[in-house]
Amino acid sequence: MKQYYINIFYSEEDKGYIADIPDLKHCSAFGLTEEEALRVAIAS
């Protein structure tokens, strides 16, 4: 199984958290909490 780095940060513009996976082009997820953004990113 391949492992990926996930960068999670707060977006003031979106008023929520973004989980970005730099190694996967165009792969990011939004959540109201860090945990929600991570869950959505992993499910993608």
PDB file of N, CA and C in Angstrom:
ATOM      1  N   MET A   1       0.840  -1.178   0.000  1.00  0.00           N
ATOM      2  CA  MET A   1       0.000   0.000   0.000  1.00  0.00           C
ATOM      3  C   MET A   1       0.886   1.243   0.000  1.00  0.00           C
ATOM      4  N   LYS A   2       0.579   2.171  -0.842  1.00  0.00           N
ATOM      5  CA  LYS A   2       1.354   3.397  -0.954  1.00  0.00           C
ATOM      6  C   LYS A   2       0.922   4.395   0.117  1.00  0.00           C
ATOM      7  N   GLN A   3       1.876   5.160   0.646  1.00  0.00           N
ATOM      8  CA  GLN A   3       1.581   6.173   1.657  1.00  0.00           C
ATOM      9  C   GLN A   3       1.724   7.557   1.051  1.00  0.00           C
ATOM     10  N   TYR A   4       0.833   8.463   1.439  1.00  0.00           N
ATOM     11  CA  TYR A   4       0.850   9.829   0.928  1.00  0.00           C
ATOM     12  C   TYR A   4       0.873  10.826   2.079  1.00  0.00           C
ATOM     13  N   TYR A   5       1.534  11.940   1.857  1.00  0.00           N
ATOM     14  CA  TYR A   5       1.542  13.051   2.792  1.00  0.00           C
ATOM     15  C   TYR A   5       0.252  13.849   2.593  1.00  0.00           C
ATOM     16  N   ILE A   6      -0.433  14.183   3.680  1.00  0.00           N
ATOM     17  CA  ILE A   6      -1.660  14.976   3.599  1.00  0.00           C
ATOM     18  C   ILE A   6      -1.451  16.263   4.377  1.00  0.00           C
ATOM     19  N   ASN A   7      -1.622  17.384   3.711  1.00  0.00           N
ATOM     20  CA  ASN A   7      -1.473  18.707   4.303  1.00  0.00           C
ATOM     21  C   ASN A   7      -2.871  19.231   4.627  1.00  0.00           C
ATOM     22  N   ILE A   8      -3.136  19.533   5.898  1.00  0.00           N
ATOM     23  CA  ILE A   8      -4.433  20.061   6.306  1.00  0.00           C
ATOM     24  C   ILE A   8      -4.233  21.477   6.822  1.00  0.00           C
ATOM     25  N   PHE A   9      -5.030  22.403   6.289  1.00  0.00           N
ATOM     26  CA  PHE A   9      -4.919  23.807   6.706  1.00  0.00           C
ATOM     27  C   PHE A   9      -6.283  24.465   6.719  1.00  0.00           C
ATOM     28  N   TYR A  10      -6.399  25.536   7.503  1.00  0.00           N
ATOM     29  CA  TYR A  10      -7.653  26.284   7.587  1.00  0.00           C
ATOM     30  C   TYR A  10      -7.697  27.321   6.480  1.00  0.00           C
ATOM     31  N   SER A  11      -8.829  27.379   5.787  1.00  0.00           N
ATOM     32  CA  SER A  11      -9.044  28.365   4.726  1.00  0.00           C
ATOM     33  C   SER A  11      -9.995  29.433   5.233  1.00  0.00           C
ATOM     34  N   GLU A  12      -9.476  30.609   5.440  1.00  0.00           N
ATOM     35  CA  GLU A  12     -10.307  31.736   5.892  1.00  0.00           C
ATOM     36  C   GLU A  12     -11.382  32.038   4.847  1.00  0.00           C
ATOM     37  N   GLU A  13     -11.024  31.945   3.584  1.00  0.00           N
ATOM     38  CA  GLU A  13     -11.961  32.227   2.493  1.00  0.00           C
ATOM     39  C   GLU A  13     -13.140  31.257   2.493  1.00  0.00           C
ATOM     40  N   ASP A  14     -12.846  29.964   2.722  1.00  0.00           N
ATOM     41  CA  ASP A  14     -13.890  28.938   2.706  1.00  0.00           C
ATOM     42  C   ASP A  14     -14.513  28.698   4.076  1.00  0.00           C
ATOM     43  N   LYS A  15     -13.900  29.263   5.126  1.00  0.00           N
ATOM     44  CA  LYS A  15     -14.362  29.070   6.509  1.00  0.00           C
ATOM     45  C   LYS A  15     -14.417  27.594   6.882  1.00  0.00           C
ATOM     46  N   GLY A  16     -13.367  26.880   6.508  1.00  0.00           N
ATOM     47  CA  GLY A  16     -13.276  25.463   6.832  1.00  0.00           C
ATOM     48  C   GLY A  16     -11.885  24.951   6.548  1.00  0.00           C
ATOM     49  N   TYR A  17     -11.706  23.653   6.694  1.00  0.00           N
ATOM     50  CA  TYR A  17     -10.394  23.034   6.534  1.00  0.00           C
ATOM     51  C   TYR A  17     -10.272  22.355   5.170  1.00  0.00           C
ATOM     52  N   ILE A  18      -9.087  22.441   4.617  1.00  0.00           N
ATOM     53  CA  ILE A  18      -8.764  21.811   3.352  1.00  0.00           C
ATOM     54  C   ILE A  18      -7.708  20.748   3.621  1.00  0.00           C
ATOM     55  N   ALA A  19      -7.959  19.536   3.135  1.00  0.00           N
ATOM     56  CA  ALA A  19      -6.970  18.461   3.185  1.00  0.00           C
ATOM     57  C   ALA A  19      -6.463  18.274   1.761  1.00  0.00           C
ATOM     58  N   ASP A  20      -5.179  18.535   1.562  1.00  0.00           N
ATOM     59  CA  ASP A  20      -4.563  18.480   0.242  1.00  0.00           C
ATOM     60  C   ASP A  20      -3.536  17.359   0.207  1.00  0.00           C
ATOM     61  N   ILE A  21      -3.566  16.572  -0.875  1.00  0.00           N
ATOM     62  CA  ILE A  21      -2.594  15.502  -1.066  1.00  0.00           C
ATOM     63  C   ILE A  21      -1.724  15.897  -2.256  1.00  0.00           C
ATOM     64  N   PRO A  22      -0.553  16.497  -1.984  1.00  0.00           N
ATOM     65  CA  PRO A  22       0.286  17.041  -3.058  1.00  0.00           C
ATOM     66  C   PRO A  22       0.707  16.026  -4.119  1.00  0.00           C
ATOM     67  N   ASP A  23       0.905  14.767  -3.734  1.00  0.00           N
ATOM     68  CA  ASP A  23       1.349  13.757  -4.704  1.00  0.00           C
ATOM     69  C   ASP A  23       0.249  13.334  -5.674  1.00  0.00           C
ATOM     70  N   LEU A  24      -0.990  13.639  -5.348  1.00  0.00           N
ATOM     71  CA  LEU A  24      -2.115  13.279  -6.212  1.00  0.00           C
ATOM     72  C   LEU A  24      -2.689  14.560  -6.812  1.00  0.00           C
ATOM     73  N   LYS A  25      -2.439  14.748  -8.071  1.00  0.00           N
ATOM     74  CA  LYS A  25      -2.861  15.971  -8.753  1.00  0.00           C
ATOM     75  C   LYS A  25      -4.369  16.174  -8.615  1.00  0.00           C
ATOM     76  N   HIS A  26      -4.758  17.371  -8.262  1.00  0.00           N
ATOM     77  CA  HIS A  26      -6.164  17.774  -8.121  1.00  0.00           C
ATOM     78  C   HIS A  26      -6.898  17.021  -7.022  1.00  0.00           C
ATOM     79  N   CYS A  27      -6.198  16.537  -6.008  1.00  0.00           N
ATOM     80  CA  CYS A  27      -6.856  15.818  -4.925  1.00  0.00           C
ATOM     81  C   CYS A  27      -6.837  16.656  -3.663  1.00  0.00           C
ATOM     82  N   SER A  28      -8.003  17.160  -3.286  1.00  0.00           N
ATOM     83  CA  SER A  28      -8.159  17.883  -2.035  1.00  0.00           C
ATOM     84  C   SER A  28      -9.582  17.672  -1.546  1.00  0.00           C
ATOM     85  N   ALA A  29      -9.807  17.934  -0.266  1.00  0.00           N
ATOM     86  CA  ALA A  29     -11.120  17.729   0.319  1.00  0.00           C
ATOM     87  C   ALA A  29     -11.402  18.841   1.320  1.00  0.00           C
ATOM     88  N   PHE A  30     -12.684  19.129   1.533  1.00  0.00           N
ATOM     89  CA  PHE A  30     -13.118  20.191   2.435  1.00  0.00           C
ATOM     90  C   PHE A  30     -13.861  19.588   3.615  1.00  0.00           C
ATOM     91  N   GLY A  31     -13.704  20.214   4.782  1.00  0.00           N
ATOM     92  CA  GLY A  31     -14.465  19.822   5.968  1.00  0.00           C
ATOM     93  C   GLY A  31     -14.552  20.977   6.943  1.00  0.00           C
ATOM     94  N   LEU A  32     -15.557  20.955   7.783  1.00  0.00           N
ATOM     95  CA  LEU A  32     -15.704  22.006   8.793  1.00  0.00           C
ATOM     96  C   LEU A  32     -14.711  21.823   9.934  1.00  0.00           C
ATOM     97  N   THR A  33     -14.189  20.595  10.079  1.00  0.00           N
ATOM     98  CA  THR A  33     -13.150  20.312  11.065  1.00  0.00           C
ATOM     99  C   THR A  33     -11.980  19.633  10.355  1.00  0.00           C
ATOM    100  N   GLU A  34     -10.831  19.585  11.020  1.00  0.00           N
ATOM    101  CA  GLU A  34      -9.668  18.900  10.455  1.00  0.00           C
ATOM    102  C   GLU A  34      -9.978  17.419  10.230  1.00  0.00           C
ATOM    103  N   GLU A  35     -10.664  16.811  11.195  1.00  0.00           N
ATOM    104  CA  GLU A  35     -10.989  15.392  11.109  1.00  0.00           C
ATOM    105  C   GLU A  35     -11.918  15.104   9.932  1.00  0.00           C
ATOM    106  N   GLU A  36     -12.910  15.972   9.716  1.00  0.00           N
ATOM    107  CA  GLU A  36     -13.835  15.784   8.604  1.00  0.00           C
ATOM    108  C   GLU A  36     -13.122  15.913   7.250  1.00  0.00           C
ATOM    109  N   ALA A  37     -12.258  16.899   7.125  1.00  0.00           N
ATOM    110  CA  ALA A  37     -11.498  17.075   5.875  1.00  0.00           C
ATOM    111  C   ALA A  37     -10.631  15.853   5.611  1.00  0.00           C
ATOM    112  N   LEU A  38      -9.995  15.331   6.649  1.00  0.00           N
ATOM    113  CA  LEU A  38      -9.154  14.134   6.491  1.00  0.00           C
ATOM    114  C   LEU A  38      -9.988  12.928   6.092  1.00  0.00           C
ATOM    115  N   ARG A  39     -11.132  12.728   6.744  1.00  0.00           N
ATOM    116  CA  ARG A  39     -12.021  11.609   6.411  1.00  0.00           C
ATOM    117  C   ARG A  39     -12.452  11.654   4.949  1.00  0.00           C
ATOM    118  N   VAL A  40     -12.829  12.847   4.472  1.00  0.00           N
ATOM    119  CA  VAL A  40     -13.271  12.989   3.085  1.00  0.00           C
ATOM    120  C   VAL A  40     -12.118  12.735   2.127  1.00  0.00           C
ATOM    121  N   ALA A  41     -10.918  13.212   2.465  1.00  0.00           N
ATOM    122  CA  ALA A  41      -9.749  13.021   1.600  1.00  0.00           C
ATOM    123  C   ALA A  41      -9.404  11.536   1.489  1.00  0.00           C
ATOM    124  N   ILE A  42      -9.472  10.820   2.584  1.00  0.00           N
ATOM    125  CA  ILE A  42      -9.135   9.398   2.586  1.00  0.00           C
ATOM    126  C   ILE A  42     -10.173   8.606   1.789  1.00  0.00           C
ATOM    127  N   ALA A  43     -11.415   9.017   1.861  1.00  0.00           N
ATOM    128  CA  ALA A  43     -12.488   8.304   1.160  1.00  0.00           C
ATOM    129  C   ALA A  43     -12.449   8.542  -0.350  1.00  0.00           C
ATOM    130  N   SER A  44     -11.768   9.595  -0.769  1.00  0.00           N
ATOM    131  CA  SER A  44     -11.723   9.927  -2.203  1.00  0.00           C
ATOM    132  C   SER A  44     -10.849   8.985  -2.983  1.00  0.00           C
TER     133      SER A  44
END
